[in-house]
Amino acid sequence: MRLLVVEDDPDINRQLVGALQDAGYVVDSARDGEEGHYLGDTEPYDAVVLDLGLPVIDGVSILEKWRRAGRKMPVLILTARDRWSDKVAGFDAGADDYVAKPFHMEEVLARLRALLRRSAGHASSEITCGPVMLDTKGARVTVNGTAVKLTSLEFRLLAYLMHHKGKVVSRTELVEHLYDQDFDRDSNTVEVFVGRLRKKLGADVLHTVRGMGYCVSDAGDAA
């Protein structure tokens, strides 16, 4: 899953990016409103952490622009402002959740996990597909209750497909959500990771839909 952090404070920006990367996400960041708006308008993020008090363009204006342009990714507002009017302005602009500074990093992570689950239509932190279970809170995968060891890229690929269970996901979409903006992207590597995942899972849940992409579904439900 690929996230964007738009925060002008260098220390907070660095802390957020580090914590999110440690949690297994691909993260891009911006430290002013202009760059943040551009990235959110041109790159396919699964969620955004957005400060309201940004230089150049403020967070509410950015969010309004994104929503007018049809950008639907979940947005978590993160700001030092504690006036109720600022919170209302953020929600009215299209925010999905709100955390005030100072914050506990675990709360930010938990709220992002919830936003990602809800945007994909999942209510629980545990997403299942046949014998395969993805624990979004613990960042682990089990098959029939037995833990499966995955690399970070394998986990990210499976997590994206599991969040979009039943949907055919193209190679291009997977690449866009597996790597950050500076990575030398190659869609052919997706086939390699899919092959590794199939071997490690040992379950018939990850299907290739010829000419279209990949789909995670229960055995017999592939398109």
Protein backbone atom coordinates (compact mmCIF):
# COMPACT_ATOMS: atom_id res chain seq x y z
CA MET A 1 0.00 0.00 0.00
CA ARG A 2 1.33 3.42 -0.98
CA LEU A 3 0.91 6.51 1.23
CA LEU A 4 1.65 10.23 0.97
CA VAL A 5 2.74 12.37 3.93
CA VAL A 6 2.34 16.16 3.51
CA GLU A 7 3.90 17.82 6.58
CA ASP A 8 6.14 20.89 6.70
CA ASP A 9 7.82 20.19 10.05
CA PRO A 10 10.98 18.23 9.07
CA ASP A 11 11.14 16.24 12.32
CA ILE A 12 7.48 15.21 12.26
CA ASN A 13 7.71 14.45 8.54
CA ARG A 14 10.73 12.22 9.10
CA GLN A 15 9.11 10.46 12.08
CA LEU A 16 5.92 9.76 10.16
CA VAL A 17 7.71 8.49 7.06
CA GLY A 18 9.98 6.25 9.15
CA ALA A 19 7.12 4.78 11.20
CA LEU A 20 4.99 4.13 8.13
CA GLN A 21 7.87 2.50 6.28
CA ASP A 22 8.60 0.33 9.32
CA ALA A 23 4.93 -0.70 9.25
CA GLY A 24 5.38 -1.98 5.69
CA TYR A 25 4.01 0.89 3.62
CA VAL A 26 5.57 2.59 0.60
CA VAL A 27 5.76 6.29 1.46
CA ASP A 28 6.28 9.50 -0.51
CA SER A 29 6.48 12.84 1.29
CA ALA A 30 6.20 16.58 0.68
CA ARG A 31 6.98 19.55 2.90
CA ASP A 32 4.87 22.25 1.31
CA GLY A 33 1.35 22.49 -0.04
CA GLU A 34 2.29 22.97 -3.68
CA GLU A 35 4.35 19.77 -3.89
CA GLY A 36 1.83 17.89 -1.77
CA HIS A 37 -1.05 18.91 -4.01
CA TYR A 38 0.89 17.93 -7.14
CA LEU A 39 1.81 14.48 -5.83
CA GLY A 40 -1.72 13.76 -4.62
CA ASP A 41 -3.12 14.93 -7.93
CA THR A 42 -0.80 12.86 -10.14
CA GLU A 43 0.11 9.71 -8.17
CA PRO A 44 -2.24 6.85 -7.10
CA TYR A 45 -2.05 6.85 -3.29
CA ASP A 46 -4.04 4.52 -1.08
CA ALA A 47 -4.20 7.15 1.70
CA VAL A 48 -2.76 10.55 2.63
CA VAL A 49 -1.63 12.13 5.91
CA LEU A 50 -2.19 15.86 5.41
CA ASP A 51 -1.23 18.78 7.67
CA LEU A 52 -3.55 21.79 7.56
CA GLY A 53 -0.98 24.52 8.30
CA LEU A 54 1.24 24.19 5.23
CA PRO A 55 3.30 26.83 3.40
CA VAL A 56 2.36 27.92 -0.16
CA ILE A 57 -1.05 26.16 -0.17
CA ASP A 58 -2.90 25.27 3.05
CA GLY A 59 -4.21 21.78 3.68
CA VAL A 60 -7.90 22.61 3.40
CA SER A 61 -7.38 24.19 -0.03
CA ILE A 62 -5.38 21.15 -1.18
CA LEU A 63 -8.10 18.79 -0.04
CA GLU A 64 -10.81 20.83 -1.74
CA LYS A 65 -8.81 20.77 -5.00
CA TRP A 66 -8.32 17.00 -4.78
CA ARG A 67 -11.99 16.31 -4.17
CA ARG A 68 -13.10 18.63 -6.97
CA ALA A 69 -10.73 16.77 -9.28
CA GLY A 70 -12.32 13.46 -8.26
CA ARG A 71 -9.46 12.20 -6.10
CA LYS A 72 -11.09 9.76 -3.66
CA MET A 73 -8.18 8.43 -1.56
CA PRO A 74 -8.79 8.52 2.23
CA VAL A 75 -7.23 11.56 3.92
CA LEU A 76 -6.18 11.79 7.56
CA ILE A 77 -5.86 15.39 8.74
CA LEU A 78 -2.91 15.91 11.10
CA THR A 79 -2.52 19.35 12.66
CA ALA A 80 -1.72 21.33 15.80
CA ARG A 81 -4.91 23.33 15.42
CA ASP A 82 -7.45 22.46 18.09
CA ARG A 83 -10.31 24.84 17.29
CA TRP A 84 -13.52 23.03 16.39
CA SER A 85 -13.94 25.30 13.34
CA ASP A 86 -10.67 24.00 11.84
CA LYS A 87 -11.80 20.42 12.30
CA VAL A 88 -15.16 21.19 10.68
CA ALA A 89 -13.41 22.91 7.75
CA GLY A 90 -11.22 19.86 7.26
CA PHE A 91 -14.13 17.43 7.28
CA ASP A 92 -16.23 19.66 5.02
CA ALA A 93 -13.33 19.80 2.55
CA GLY A 94 -13.37 16.00 2.33
CA ALA A 95 -11.22 14.66 5.20
CA ASP A 96 -11.97 11.15 6.44
CA ASP A 97 -10.42 11.38 9.90
CA TYR A 98 -8.57 13.80 12.19
CA VAL A 99 -5.65 13.57 14.63
CA ALA A 100 -4.37 16.58 16.58
CA LYS A 101 -0.73 17.25 17.48
CA PRO A 102 0.94 16.20 19.69
CA PHE A 103 -0.01 12.67 18.71
CA HIS A 104 0.90 9.09 19.51
CA MET A 105 2.31 7.34 16.44
CA GLU A 106 0.36 4.16 17.22
CA GLU A 107 -2.89 6.12 16.98
CA VAL A 108 -1.92 7.51 13.57
CA LEU A 109 -1.05 3.99 12.37
CA ALA A 110 -4.29 2.54 13.74
CA ARG A 111 -6.41 5.25 12.13
CA LEU A 112 -4.67 4.76 8.78
CA ARG A 113 -5.21 1.00 8.95
CA ALA A 114 -8.91 1.64 9.61
CA LEU A 115 -9.16 4.10 6.70
CA LEU A 116 -7.48 1.64 4.33
CA ARG A 117 -9.77 -1.19 5.46
CA ARG A 118 -12.94 0.85 5.13
CA SER A 119 -11.99 2.24 1.71
CA ALA A 120 -11.64 -1.34 0.50
CA GLY A 121 -14.88 -2.45 2.18
CA HIS A 122 -13.39 -4.43 5.09
CA ALA A 123 -14.60 -3.97 8.66
CA SER A 124 -12.06 -6.17 10.46
CA SER A 125 -8.28 -5.90 10.80
CA GLU A 126 -8.12 -9.54 9.66
CA ILE A 127 -8.82 -10.14 5.96
CA THR A 128 -9.35 -13.74 4.94
CA CYS A 129 -9.41 -15.54 1.62
CA GLY A 130 -9.89 -19.28 1.88
CA PRO A 131 -7.20 -20.58 4.28
CA VAL A 132 -5.13 -17.38 3.95
CA MET A 133 -5.46 -14.70 6.64
CA LEU A 134 -3.85 -11.25 6.48
CA ASP A 135 -3.55 -9.48 9.82
CA THR A 136 -3.27 -5.77 8.95
CA LYS A 137 -2.57 -4.81 12.57
CA GLY A 138 0.24 -7.31 13.14
CA ALA A 139 1.47 -7.23 9.52
CA ARG A 140 1.53 -11.02 9.31
CA VAL A 141 0.10 -13.73 7.09
CA THR A 142 -1.04 -17.22 8.06
CA VAL A 143 -2.28 -20.21 6.07
CA ASN A 144 -4.53 -22.55 8.01
CA GLY A 145 -3.25 -20.88 11.16
CA THR A 146 0.44 -21.37 10.36
CA ALA A 147 2.57 -18.25 9.96
CA VAL A 148 4.12 -17.65 6.52
CA LYS A 149 7.35 -15.67 6.25
CA LEU A 150 7.22 -13.10 3.45
CA THR A 151 9.62 -10.42 2.26
CA SER A 152 8.45 -6.81 2.51
CA LEU A 153 7.60 -6.66 -1.21
CA GLU A 154 5.79 -10.00 -1.13
CA PHE A 155 3.75 -8.80 1.85
CA ARG A 156 2.90 -5.48 0.18
CA LEU A 157 1.78 -7.22 -3.01
CA LEU A 158 -0.39 -9.71 -1.13
CA ALA A 159 -1.79 -6.99 1.14
CA TYR A 160 -2.85 -4.89 -1.83
CA LEU A 161 -4.54 -7.84 -3.54
CA MET A 162 -6.20 -8.95 -0.28
CA HIS A 163 -7.55 -5.46 0.36
CA HIS A 164 -9.06 -5.66 -3.15
CA LYS A 165 -10.24 -9.25 -2.87
CA GLY A 166 -12.31 -10.35 -5.84
CA LYS A 167 -11.07 -7.51 -8.05
CA VAL A 168 -8.75 -8.07 -11.02
CA VAL A 169 -5.71 -5.83 -10.50
CA SER A 170 -3.47 -5.05 -13.45
CA ARG A 171 0.33 -5.23 -13.33
CA THR A 172 0.50 -1.48 -13.85
CA GLU A 173 -1.74 -0.80 -10.86
CA LEU A 174 0.30 -3.15 -8.68
CA VAL A 175 3.56 -1.46 -9.67
CA GLU A 176 2.10 1.98 -8.94
CA HIS A 177 1.11 0.90 -5.43
CA LEU A 178 4.19 -1.21 -4.60
CA TYR A 179 6.94 1.33 -5.27
CA ASP A 180 7.55 4.99 -4.44
CA GLN A 181 7.86 7.71 -7.07
CA ASP A 182 11.66 7.45 -7.37
CA PHE A 183 11.85 3.68 -7.87
CA ASP A 184 12.82 2.29 -11.27
CA ARG A 185 9.58 0.45 -11.89
CA ASP A 186 9.42 -2.74 -13.91
CA SER A 187 6.10 -4.56 -14.22
CA ASN A 188 7.89 -7.80 -15.11
CA THR A 189 9.06 -8.15 -11.50
CA VAL A 190 5.44 -8.57 -10.44
CA GLU A 191 5.35 -11.99 -12.10
CA VAL A 192 8.37 -13.06 -10.04
CA PHE A 193 6.75 -12.02 -6.74
CA VAL A 194 3.43 -13.62 -7.68
CA GLY A 195 5.26 -16.89 -8.37
CA ARG A 196 7.04 -16.73 -5.00
CA LEU A 197 3.78 -15.98 -3.20
CA ARG A 198 2.03 -18.94 -4.79
CA LYS A 199 4.78 -21.27 -3.58
CA LYS A 200 4.83 -19.84 -0.05
CA LEU A 201 1.05 -19.78 0.38
CA GLY A 202 0.51 -23.22 -1.11
CA ALA A 203 -3.16 -22.34 -1.51
CA ASP A 204 -5.19 -21.79 -4.66
CA VAL A 205 -6.21 -18.20 -3.93
CA LEU A 206 -3.90 -16.07 -6.13
CA HIS A 207 -5.08 -16.27 -9.73
CA THR A 208 -3.75 -14.94 -13.02
CA VAL A 209 -6.44 -13.48 -15.28
CA ARG A 210 -4.87 -13.70 -18.72
CA GLY A 211 -4.42 -10.34 -20.41
CA MET A 212 -5.80 -8.45 -17.41
CA GLY A 213 -3.79 -9.04 -14.25
CA TYR A 214 -4.14 -10.84 -10.93
CA CYS A 215 -6.91 -11.57 -8.51
CA VAL A 216 -7.12 -12.95 -4.98
CA SER A 217 -10.26 -14.99 -4.45
CA ASP A 218 -11.45 -18.22 -2.87
CA ALA A 219 -10.71 -21.39 -4.82
CA GLY A 220 -13.02 -21.69 -7.81
CA ASP A 221 -14.02 -18.00 -7.74
CA ALA A 222 -11.36 -16.66 -10.13
CA ALA A 223 -12.55 -14.65 -13.11
